[in-house]
Amino acid sequence: MARVTPVPLGKLTPALRTLLERGRSNRMLSSTTAPQIWAHCPAVAVAWLTALEEIHLRGCLDERLRELVRLRIAAITTCQACMVARKSDRVTAEDLACLSADNPRFSAAERAALHFAELFAGDYFAIDDDLYLELAQHFSTPQIVELNLYCALMLAGGRMTYVQRGYDETAASAIAIG
């Protein structure tokens, strides 16, 4: 059960309701529970969801790469909602079974992004100039900046959702059992 009572869908501001509807239809959101909690601060919720939507729909990073990074961070943060959600069909069950930066299954660019995401979420003091040089071998400057922003949003969002229990309990129990 959520630790903060979600704002009922019918009581959301029109802007927030529109973002939730779009987010559900374009797979940016797998659930509305967390955003309904954030709706207690509607302007901030709109800003957060707008940033997510911008990256999700118009970002410069490849959709598959974003999904790999998102799922890797979800595994590190144990975000229940994030672990069960699928935002892209381009990541397979086989990808998920070996999702780490050192697996040769992934391209060099994917491994570099996964390595960055793993450190960002788990040991950010280890991110150094050499890692940025490695990223620059595979990504443009705007892509590196977007990767940073996306990792920040996924890390913060996953932790916030977990702490608030802003996820569907049925999905969480499926993870615990599975």
N, C-alpha and C. Protein backbone atom coordinates (compact mmCIF):
# COMPACT_ATOMS: atom_id res chain seq x y z
N MET A 1 0.84 -1.18 0.00
CA MET A 1 0.00 0.00 0.00
C MET A 1 0.89 1.24 0.00
N ALA A 2 0.50 2.21 -0.79
CA ALA A 2 1.27 3.46 -0.87
C ALA A 2 1.33 4.14 0.49
N ARG A 3 2.48 4.73 0.78
CA ARG A 3 2.67 5.43 2.05
C ARG A 3 2.07 6.82 2.03
N VAL A 4 1.83 7.35 0.85
CA VAL A 4 1.16 8.63 0.66
C VAL A 4 -0.07 8.35 -0.19
N THR A 5 -1.21 8.83 0.23
CA THR A 5 -2.45 8.57 -0.50
C THR A 5 -2.39 9.20 -1.88
N PRO A 6 -2.54 8.40 -2.93
CA PRO A 6 -2.56 8.97 -4.29
C PRO A 6 -3.77 9.88 -4.48
N VAL A 7 -3.58 10.93 -5.22
CA VAL A 7 -4.67 11.82 -5.58
C VAL A 7 -5.56 11.06 -6.57
N PRO A 8 -6.86 10.99 -6.35
CA PRO A 8 -7.74 10.28 -7.29
C PRO A 8 -7.62 10.86 -8.70
N LEU A 9 -7.69 10.00 -9.69
CA LEU A 9 -7.56 10.44 -11.08
C LEU A 9 -8.51 11.58 -11.42
N GLY A 10 -9.71 11.52 -10.91
CA GLY A 10 -10.70 12.57 -11.20
C GLY A 10 -10.39 13.92 -10.57
N LYS A 11 -9.44 13.95 -9.65
CA LYS A 11 -9.09 15.21 -8.99
C LYS A 11 -7.76 15.79 -9.46
N LEU A 12 -7.14 15.17 -10.47
CA LEU A 12 -5.89 15.68 -11.01
C LEU A 12 -6.13 16.96 -11.79
N THR A 13 -5.11 17.82 -11.84
CA THR A 13 -5.21 19.00 -12.68
C THR A 13 -5.33 18.55 -14.14
N PRO A 14 -5.94 19.34 -14.99
CA PRO A 14 -6.06 18.94 -16.40
C PRO A 14 -4.69 18.65 -17.04
N ALA A 15 -3.68 19.46 -16.74
CA ALA A 15 -2.35 19.24 -17.33
C ALA A 15 -1.78 17.90 -16.90
N LEU A 16 -1.91 17.59 -15.63
CA LEU A 16 -1.39 16.33 -15.12
C LEU A 16 -2.17 15.14 -15.67
N ARG A 17 -3.48 15.27 -15.74
CA ARG A 17 -4.31 14.20 -16.29
C ARG A 17 -3.92 13.93 -17.75
N THR A 18 -3.68 14.99 -18.52
CA THR A 18 -3.28 14.84 -19.91
C THR A 18 -1.94 14.12 -20.02
N LEU A 19 -0.98 14.51 -19.18
CA LEU A 19 0.33 13.85 -19.18
C LEU A 19 0.22 12.37 -18.82
N LEU A 20 -0.62 12.06 -17.83
CA LEU A 20 -0.80 10.65 -17.45
C LEU A 20 -1.43 9.86 -18.58
N GLU A 21 -2.43 10.42 -19.21
CA GLU A 21 -3.08 9.72 -20.33
C GLU A 21 -2.09 9.48 -21.46
N ARG A 22 -1.31 10.50 -21.80
CA ARG A 22 -0.31 10.34 -22.87
C ARG A 22 0.76 9.33 -22.44
N GLY A 23 1.20 9.44 -21.19
CA GLY A 23 2.23 8.54 -20.69
C GLY A 23 1.81 7.08 -20.70
N ARG A 24 0.56 6.83 -20.41
CA ARG A 24 0.05 5.45 -20.46
C ARG A 24 -0.06 4.98 -21.91
N SER A 25 -0.50 5.86 -22.81
CA SER A 25 -0.69 5.44 -24.20
C SER A 25 0.63 5.25 -24.94
N ASN A 26 1.68 6.00 -24.56
CA ASN A 26 2.96 5.85 -25.27
C ASN A 26 3.97 4.98 -24.52
N ARG A 27 3.53 4.32 -23.46
CA ARG A 27 4.32 3.39 -22.66
C ARG A 27 5.38 4.07 -21.79
N MET A 28 5.33 5.37 -21.67
CA MET A 28 6.25 6.03 -20.76
C MET A 28 5.93 5.65 -19.32
N LEU A 29 4.64 5.48 -19.02
CA LEU A 29 4.19 5.11 -17.68
C LEU A 29 3.55 3.74 -17.72
N SER A 30 3.97 2.88 -16.81
CA SER A 30 3.34 1.57 -16.71
C SER A 30 2.23 1.58 -15.68
N SER A 31 2.23 2.59 -14.84
CA SER A 31 1.23 2.73 -13.77
C SER A 31 1.06 4.22 -13.49
N THR A 32 -0.09 4.59 -12.98
CA THR A 32 -0.30 5.99 -12.61
C THR A 32 -0.14 6.21 -11.11
N THR A 33 0.13 5.17 -10.35
CA THR A 33 0.17 5.30 -8.89
C THR A 33 1.19 6.33 -8.43
N ALA A 34 2.45 6.20 -8.87
CA ALA A 34 3.48 7.16 -8.43
C ALA A 34 3.12 8.59 -8.84
N PRO A 35 2.76 8.83 -10.11
CA PRO A 35 2.40 10.20 -10.47
C PRO A 35 1.18 10.73 -9.70
N GLN A 36 0.28 9.85 -9.30
CA GLN A 36 -0.86 10.30 -8.49
C GLN A 36 -0.39 10.73 -7.09
N ILE A 37 0.66 10.12 -6.60
CA ILE A 37 1.25 10.58 -5.33
C ILE A 37 1.91 11.94 -5.55
N TRP A 38 2.67 12.05 -6.62
CA TRP A 38 3.35 13.31 -6.90
C TRP A 38 2.35 14.44 -7.13
N ALA A 39 1.13 14.09 -7.50
CA ALA A 39 0.09 15.08 -7.81
C ALA A 39 -0.25 15.97 -6.62
N HIS A 40 0.20 15.62 -5.43
CA HIS A 40 0.03 16.52 -4.28
C HIS A 40 0.84 17.80 -4.51
N CYS A 41 1.82 17.75 -5.37
CA CYS A 41 2.62 18.91 -5.81
C CYS A 41 2.47 18.97 -7.34
N PRO A 42 1.32 19.41 -7.83
CA PRO A 42 1.01 19.25 -9.25
C PRO A 42 2.00 19.91 -10.20
N ALA A 43 2.49 21.09 -9.89
CA ALA A 43 3.41 21.76 -10.81
C ALA A 43 4.72 20.99 -10.93
N VAL A 44 5.19 20.45 -9.82
CA VAL A 44 6.43 19.67 -9.84
C VAL A 44 6.18 18.34 -10.57
N ALA A 45 5.04 17.72 -10.33
CA ALA A 45 4.70 16.47 -11.02
C ALA A 45 4.66 16.69 -12.53
N VAL A 46 4.08 17.79 -12.95
CA VAL A 46 4.02 18.11 -14.38
C VAL A 46 5.44 18.30 -14.93
N ALA A 47 6.28 19.02 -14.20
CA ALA A 47 7.66 19.24 -14.65
C ALA A 47 8.41 17.92 -14.78
N TRP A 48 8.27 17.06 -13.77
CA TRP A 48 8.96 15.76 -13.78
C TRP A 48 8.49 14.92 -14.98
N LEU A 49 7.19 14.82 -15.14
CA LEU A 49 6.65 14.01 -16.23
C LEU A 49 6.97 14.60 -17.60
N THR A 50 7.02 15.91 -17.69
CA THR A 50 7.38 16.56 -18.95
C THR A 50 8.82 16.23 -19.31
N ALA A 51 9.73 16.25 -18.34
CA ALA A 51 11.12 15.88 -18.60
C ALA A 51 11.22 14.42 -19.06
N LEU A 52 10.50 13.53 -18.37
CA LEU A 52 10.49 12.13 -18.79
C LEU A 52 9.95 11.97 -20.20
N GLU A 53 8.86 12.67 -20.47
CA GLU A 53 8.24 12.55 -21.80
C GLU A 53 9.17 13.07 -22.89
N GLU A 54 9.87 14.15 -22.61
CA GLU A 54 10.79 14.71 -23.61
C GLU A 54 11.85 13.69 -23.99
N ILE A 55 12.44 13.03 -23.00
CA ILE A 55 13.45 12.01 -23.30
C ILE A 55 12.80 10.80 -23.96
N HIS A 56 11.67 10.38 -23.45
CA HIS A 56 11.00 9.18 -23.97
C HIS A 56 10.58 9.33 -25.43
N LEU A 57 10.05 10.48 -25.78
CA LEU A 57 9.51 10.67 -27.13
C LEU A 57 10.46 11.36 -28.10
N ARG A 58 11.30 12.25 -27.59
CA ARG A 58 12.12 13.05 -28.49
C ARG A 58 13.61 13.04 -28.14
N GLY A 59 14.01 12.13 -27.29
CA GLY A 59 15.41 12.07 -26.88
C GLY A 59 16.32 11.64 -28.01
N CYS A 60 17.60 11.89 -27.83
CA CYS A 60 18.58 11.54 -28.86
C CYS A 60 19.22 10.17 -28.64
N LEU A 61 18.94 9.53 -27.51
CA LEU A 61 19.44 8.18 -27.27
C LEU A 61 18.50 7.15 -27.89
N ASP A 62 19.08 6.08 -28.37
CA ASP A 62 18.32 4.99 -28.95
C ASP A 62 17.36 4.39 -27.92
N GLU A 63 16.16 4.06 -28.36
CA GLU A 63 15.13 3.50 -27.47
C GLU A 63 15.60 2.23 -26.75
N ARG A 64 16.27 1.34 -27.45
CA ARG A 64 16.76 0.10 -26.83
C ARG A 64 17.78 0.42 -25.75
N LEU A 65 18.69 1.32 -26.03
CA LEU A 65 19.71 1.68 -25.05
C LEU A 65 19.07 2.28 -23.81
N ARG A 66 18.11 3.17 -24.00
CA ARG A 66 17.41 3.76 -22.85
C ARG A 66 16.74 2.68 -22.01
N GLU A 67 16.12 1.72 -22.67
CA GLU A 67 15.43 0.66 -21.94
C GLU A 67 16.41 -0.22 -21.17
N LEU A 68 17.54 -0.54 -21.78
CA LEU A 68 18.56 -1.31 -21.07
C LEU A 68 19.05 -0.56 -19.84
N VAL A 69 19.33 0.71 -20.00
CA VAL A 69 19.80 1.54 -18.87
C VAL A 69 18.72 1.63 -17.80
N ARG A 70 17.50 1.85 -18.20
CA ARG A 70 16.39 1.96 -17.24
C ARG A 70 16.24 0.68 -16.43
N LEU A 71 16.27 -0.44 -17.11
CA LEU A 71 16.09 -1.72 -16.42
C LEU A 71 17.29 -2.07 -15.55
N ARG A 72 18.49 -1.68 -15.95
CA ARG A 72 19.66 -1.94 -15.11
C ARG A 72 19.58 -1.12 -13.83
N ILE A 73 19.21 0.14 -13.95
CA ILE A 73 19.05 0.98 -12.76
C ILE A 73 17.91 0.45 -11.90
N ALA A 74 16.84 0.00 -12.52
CA ALA A 74 15.70 -0.57 -11.76
C ALA A 74 16.15 -1.76 -10.92
N ALA A 75 17.02 -2.60 -11.49
CA ALA A 75 17.51 -3.75 -10.75
C ALA A 75 18.36 -3.31 -9.56
N ILE A 76 19.13 -2.26 -9.74
CA ILE A 76 19.99 -1.77 -8.66
C ILE A 76 19.16 -1.10 -7.56
N THR A 77 18.15 -0.33 -7.95
CA THR A 77 17.33 0.39 -6.96
C THR A 77 16.20 -0.47 -6.41
N THR A 78 15.98 -1.62 -7.00
CA THR A 78 14.86 -2.50 -6.69
C THR A 78 13.51 -1.79 -6.79
N CYS A 79 13.39 -0.93 -7.78
CA CYS A 79 12.12 -0.26 -8.03
C CYS A 79 11.14 -1.27 -8.62
N GLN A 80 10.13 -1.62 -7.84
CA GLN A 80 9.16 -2.63 -8.24
C GLN A 80 8.46 -2.26 -9.55
N ALA A 81 7.98 -1.04 -9.62
CA ALA A 81 7.25 -0.62 -10.82
C ALA A 81 8.16 -0.64 -12.04
N CYS A 82 9.39 -0.22 -11.87
CA CYS A 82 10.32 -0.16 -13.00
C CYS A 82 10.74 -1.54 -13.48
N MET A 83 10.89 -2.48 -12.57
CA MET A 83 11.34 -3.81 -12.96
C MET A 83 10.30 -4.57 -13.77
N VAL A 84 9.02 -4.33 -13.53
CA VAL A 84 8.00 -5.06 -14.28
C VAL A 84 7.58 -4.33 -15.56
N ALA A 85 7.84 -3.05 -15.63
CA ALA A 85 7.43 -2.26 -16.80
C ALA A 85 8.32 -2.57 -17.99
N ARG A 86 7.74 -2.53 -19.15
CA ARG A 86 8.49 -2.66 -20.39
C ARG A 86 8.14 -1.48 -21.27
N LYS A 87 9.14 -0.67 -21.58
CA LYS A 87 8.93 0.54 -22.37
C LYS A 87 9.31 0.34 -23.83
N SER A 88 9.98 -0.78 -24.13
CA SER A 88 10.42 -1.05 -25.49
C SER A 88 10.39 -2.55 -25.75
N ASP A 89 9.91 -2.92 -26.92
CA ASP A 89 9.91 -4.32 -27.31
C ASP A 89 11.27 -4.74 -27.88
N ARG A 90 12.19 -3.80 -27.97
CA ARG A 90 13.51 -4.10 -28.53
C ARG A 90 14.46 -4.72 -27.50
N VAL A 91 14.05 -4.83 -26.25
CA VAL A 91 14.82 -5.53 -25.22
C VAL A 91 14.10 -6.84 -24.95
N THR A 92 14.83 -7.93 -25.09
CA THR A 92 14.23 -9.26 -24.99
C THR A 92 14.45 -9.87 -23.60
N ALA A 93 13.75 -10.96 -23.37
CA ALA A 93 13.94 -11.72 -22.13
C ALA A 93 15.38 -12.22 -22.03
N GLU A 94 15.98 -12.55 -23.16
CA GLU A 94 17.38 -12.98 -23.16
C GLU A 94 18.30 -11.84 -22.74
N ASP A 95 17.99 -10.61 -23.17
CA ASP A 95 18.77 -9.44 -22.74
C ASP A 95 18.68 -9.28 -21.23
N LEU A 96 17.48 -9.41 -20.71
CA LEU A 96 17.25 -9.22 -19.27
C LEU A 96 17.98 -10.28 -18.44
N ALA A 97 18.09 -11.48 -18.97
CA ALA A 97 18.72 -12.56 -18.22
C ALA A 97 20.21 -12.33 -17.99
N CYS A 98 20.81 -11.47 -18.79
CA CYS A 98 22.26 -11.23 -18.66
C CYS A 98 22.59 -9.74 -18.67
N LEU A 99 21.73 -8.95 -18.09
CA LEU A 99 21.84 -7.49 -18.16
C LEU A 99 22.95 -6.96 -17.26
N SER A 100 24.13 -6.82 -17.86
CA SER A 100 25.25 -6.20 -17.16
C SER A 100 26.22 -5.63 -18.18
N ALA A 101 27.05 -4.73 -17.71
CA ALA A 101 27.96 -4.01 -18.60
C ALA A 101 29.05 -4.88 -19.18
N ASP A 102 29.30 -6.03 -18.61
CA ASP A 102 30.40 -6.85 -19.10
C ASP A 102 29.96 -8.01 -19.99
N ASN A 103 28.69 -8.03 -20.38
CA ASN A 103 28.21 -9.13 -21.19
C ASN A 103 28.43 -8.82 -22.67
N PRO A 104 29.12 -9.72 -23.40
CA PRO A 104 29.40 -9.47 -24.82
C PRO A 104 28.16 -9.50 -25.71
N ARG A 105 27.03 -9.88 -25.16
CA ARG A 105 25.78 -9.88 -25.91
C ARG A 105 25.44 -8.45 -26.39
N PHE A 106 25.87 -7.48 -25.62
CA PHE A 106 25.53 -6.09 -25.90
C PHE A 106 26.61 -5.42 -26.73
N SER A 107 26.20 -4.43 -27.51
CA SER A 107 27.16 -3.69 -28.34
C SER A 107 28.12 -2.91 -27.43
N ALA A 108 29.21 -2.46 -27.99
CA ALA A 108 30.19 -1.68 -27.22
C ALA A 108 29.54 -0.42 -26.64
N ALA A 109 28.68 0.23 -27.42
CA ALA A 109 27.99 1.43 -26.92
C ALA A 109 27.04 1.07 -25.78
N GLU A 110 26.31 -0.02 -25.93
CA GLU A 110 25.41 -0.46 -24.86
C GLU A 110 26.18 -0.81 -23.59
N ARG A 111 27.31 -1.50 -23.75
CA ARG A 111 28.13 -1.84 -22.58
C ARG A 111 28.66 -0.59 -21.89
N ALA A 112 29.08 0.40 -22.67
CA ALA A 112 29.57 1.65 -22.08
C ALA A 112 28.46 2.35 -21.32
N ALA A 113 27.27 2.41 -21.90
CA ALA A 113 26.13 3.06 -21.22
C ALA A 113 25.72 2.28 -19.98
N LEU A 114 25.71 0.95 -20.06
CA LEU A 114 25.36 0.14 -18.90
C LEU A 114 26.40 0.30 -17.78
N HIS A 115 27.67 0.36 -18.16
CA HIS A 115 28.73 0.58 -17.17
C HIS A 115 28.51 1.92 -16.46
N PHE A 116 28.25 2.95 -17.25
CA PHE A 116 27.98 4.26 -16.66
C PHE A 116 26.78 4.20 -15.73
N ALA A 117 25.70 3.56 -16.18
CA ALA A 117 24.48 3.46 -15.36
C ALA A 117 24.73 2.70 -14.07
N GLU A 118 25.48 1.62 -14.15
CA GLU A 118 25.79 0.83 -12.95
C GLU A 118 26.56 1.67 -11.94
N LEU A 119 27.55 2.40 -12.42
CA LEU A 119 28.32 3.25 -11.51
C LEU A 119 27.48 4.42 -11.01
N PHE A 120 26.70 5.02 -11.89
CA PHE A 120 25.84 6.15 -11.49
C PHE A 120 24.93 5.74 -10.34
N ALA A 121 24.37 4.54 -10.43
CA ALA A 121 23.42 4.08 -9.42
C ALA A 121 24.08 3.44 -8.21
N GLY A 122 25.30 2.93 -8.37
CA GLY A 122 25.88 2.17 -7.28
C GLY A 122 27.20 2.65 -6.73
N ASP A 123 28.00 3.34 -7.54
CA ASP A 123 29.32 3.77 -7.09
C ASP A 123 29.75 5.00 -7.89
N TYR A 124 29.00 6.07 -7.75
CA TYR A 124 29.23 7.24 -8.59
C TYR A 124 30.59 7.90 -8.36
N PHE A 125 31.25 7.62 -7.24
CA PHE A 125 32.60 8.14 -7.03
C PHE A 125 33.60 7.53 -8.01
N ALA A 126 33.26 6.39 -8.57
CA ALA A 126 34.14 5.71 -9.52
C ALA A 126 34.03 6.27 -10.94
N ILE A 127 33.07 7.14 -11.18
CA ILE A 127 32.95 7.75 -12.52
C ILE A 127 34.06 8.79 -12.64
N ASP A 128 34.90 8.58 -13.66
CA ASP A 128 36.06 9.46 -13.82
C ASP A 128 36.17 9.94 -15.26
N ASP A 129 37.23 10.68 -15.54
CA ASP A 129 37.44 11.21 -16.88
C ASP A 129 37.59 10.09 -17.91
N ASP A 130 38.20 8.99 -17.52
CA ASP A 130 38.37 7.87 -18.46
C ASP A 130 37.02 7.32 -18.91
N LEU A 131 36.07 7.26 -18.00
CA LEU A 131 34.75 6.76 -18.37
C LEU A 131 34.08 7.73 -19.35
N TYR A 132 34.25 9.03 -19.14
CA TYR A 132 33.70 9.99 -20.09
C TYR A 132 34.38 9.89 -21.45
N LEU A 133 35.66 9.58 -21.46
CA LEU A 133 36.36 9.37 -22.74
C LEU A 133 35.81 8.13 -23.44
N GLU A 134 35.52 7.10 -22.66
CA GLU A 134 34.91 5.89 -23.24
C GLU A 134 33.53 6.20 -23.81
N LEU A 135 32.73 6.96 -23.07
CA LEU A 135 31.42 7.33 -23.58
C LEU A 135 31.54 8.13 -24.88
N ALA A 136 32.53 9.02 -24.94
CA ALA A 136 32.72 9.87 -26.12
C ALA A 136 33.09 9.06 -27.36
N GLN A 137 33.58 7.85 -27.18
CA GLN A 137 33.87 6.98 -28.33
C GLN A 137 32.60 6.48 -29.00
N HIS A 138 31.49 6.52 -28.27
CA HIS A 138 30.25 5.94 -28.77
C HIS A 138 29.10 6.93 -28.91
N PHE A 139 29.21 8.05 -28.19
CA PHE A 139 28.08 8.98 -28.11
C PHE A 139 28.52 10.41 -28.36
N SER A 140 27.60 11.20 -28.91
CA SER A 140 27.83 12.64 -29.06
C SER A 140 27.69 13.32 -27.69
N THR A 141 28.11 14.55 -27.61
CA THR A 141 27.95 15.28 -26.34
C THR A 141 26.50 15.37 -25.91
N PRO A 142 25.55 15.71 -26.80
CA PRO A 142 24.15 15.72 -26.36
C PRO A 142 23.69 14.34 -25.86
N GLN A 143 24.15 13.28 -26.47
CA GLN A 143 23.76 11.95 -26.00
C GLN A 143 24.34 11.65 -24.63
N ILE A 144 25.56 12.07 -24.37
CA ILE A 144 26.17 11.86 -23.05
C ILE A 144 25.41 12.65 -22.00
N VAL A 145 25.05 13.88 -22.32
CA VAL A 145 24.28 14.69 -21.38
C VAL A 145 22.92 14.04 -21.14
N GLU A 146 22.27 13.59 -22.19
CA GLU A 146 20.97 12.93 -22.01
C GLU A 146 21.12 11.65 -21.18
N LEU A 147 22.17 10.89 -21.40
CA LEU A 147 22.41 9.69 -20.59
C LEU A 147 22.52 10.05 -19.11
N ASN A 148 23.23 11.12 -18.81
CA ASN A 148 23.33 11.60 -17.42
C ASN A 148 21.97 11.98 -16.87
N LEU A 149 21.22 12.77 -17.62
CA LEU A 149 19.89 13.20 -17.17
C LEU A 149 18.96 12.00 -16.99
N TYR A 150 19.01 11.08 -17.93
CA TYR A 150 18.13 9.91 -17.85
C TYR A 150 18.49 9.04 -16.64
N CYS A 151 19.77 8.81 -16.43
CA CYS A 151 20.18 8.03 -15.25
C CYS A 151 19.72 8.73 -13.97
N ALA A 152 19.85 10.05 -13.92
CA ALA A 152 19.42 10.79 -12.73
C ALA A 152 17.92 10.64 -12.52
N LEU A 153 17.13 10.77 -13.56
CA LEU A 153 15.69 10.63 -13.44
C LEU A 153 15.30 9.21 -13.04
N MET A 154 15.96 8.22 -13.62
CA MET A 154 15.62 6.83 -13.30
C MET A 154 16.05 6.47 -11.87
N LEU A 155 17.21 6.93 -11.46
CA LEU A 155 17.68 6.65 -10.11
C LEU A 155 16.78 7.32 -9.08
N ALA A 156 16.54 8.59 -9.26
CA ALA A 156 15.69 9.32 -8.31
C ALA A 156 14.26 8.81 -8.35
N GLY A 157 13.73 8.61 -9.53
CA GLY A 157 12.36 8.13 -9.66
C GLY A 157 12.17 6.75 -9.06
N GLY A 158 13.13 5.87 -9.29
CA GLY A 158 13.05 4.52 -8.74
C GLY A 158 13.11 4.52 -7.22
N ARG A 159 14.00 5.31 -6.69
CA ARG A 159 14.11 5.37 -5.23
C ARG A 159 12.88 6.02 -4.62
N MET A 160 12.40 7.08 -5.24
CA MET A 160 11.22 7.77 -4.73
C MET A 160 10.00 6.85 -4.78
N THR A 161 9.82 6.15 -5.88
CA THR A 161 8.69 5.24 -6.02
C THR A 161 8.78 4.12 -4.99
N TYR A 162 9.97 3.59 -4.79
CA TYR A 162 10.15 2.52 -3.81
C TYR A 162 9.84 3.02 -2.39
N VAL A 163 10.40 4.15 -2.03
CA VAL A 163 10.21 4.68 -0.67
C VAL A 163 8.75 5.01 -0.40
N GLN A 164 8.06 5.56 -1.39
CA GLN A 164 6.65 5.93 -1.23
C GLN A 164 5.73 4.73 -1.43
N ARG A 165 6.29 3.62 -1.86
CA ARG A 165 5.50 2.45 -2.28
C ARG A 165 4.47 2.87 -3.32
N GLY A 166 4.95 3.65 -4.26
CA GLY A 166 4.09 4.17 -5.32
C GLY A 166 3.99 3.23 -6.49
N TYR A 167 3.74 1.97 -6.22
CA TYR A 167 3.65 0.97 -7.28
C TYR A 167 2.50 0.03 -7.00
N ASP A 168 2.12 -0.68 -8.03
CA ASP A 168 1.03 -1.65 -7.94
C ASP A 168 1.49 -2.85 -7.11
N GLU A 169 0.79 -3.14 -6.04
CA GLU A 169 1.18 -4.24 -5.14
C GLU A 169 1.16 -5.60 -5.85
N THR A 170 0.27 -5.79 -6.79
CA THR A 170 0.20 -7.05 -7.52
C THR A 170 1.48 -7.28 -8.30
N ALA A 171 1.98 -6.23 -8.97
CA ALA A 171 3.22 -6.35 -9.72
C ALA A 171 4.39 -6.62 -8.78
N ALA A 172 4.40 -5.97 -7.63
CA ALA A 172 5.50 -6.16 -6.67
C ALA A 172 5.52 -7.58 -6.16
N SER A 173 4.36 -8.15 -5.88
CA SER A 173 4.35 -9.52 -5.36
C SER A 173 4.75 -10.50 -6.46
N ALA A 174 4.46 -10.19 -7.72
CA ALA A 174 4.89 -11.06 -8.82
C ALA A 174 6.41 -11.10 -8.90
N ILE A 175 7.07 -9.97 -8.64
CA ILE A 175 8.53 -9.93 -8.66
C ILE A 175 9.07 -10.75 -7.49
N ALA A 176 8.50 -10.55 -6.33
CA ALA A 176 8.98 -11.25 -5.13
C ALA A 176 8.84 -12.77 -5.30
N ILE A 177 7.78 -13.20 -5.95
CA ILE A 177 7.54 -14.63 -6.15
C ILE A 177 8.42 -15.15 -7.28
N GLY A 178 8.49 -14.35 -8.37
CA GLY A 178 9.21 -14.78 -9.57
C GLY A 178 10.66 -14.70 -9.36
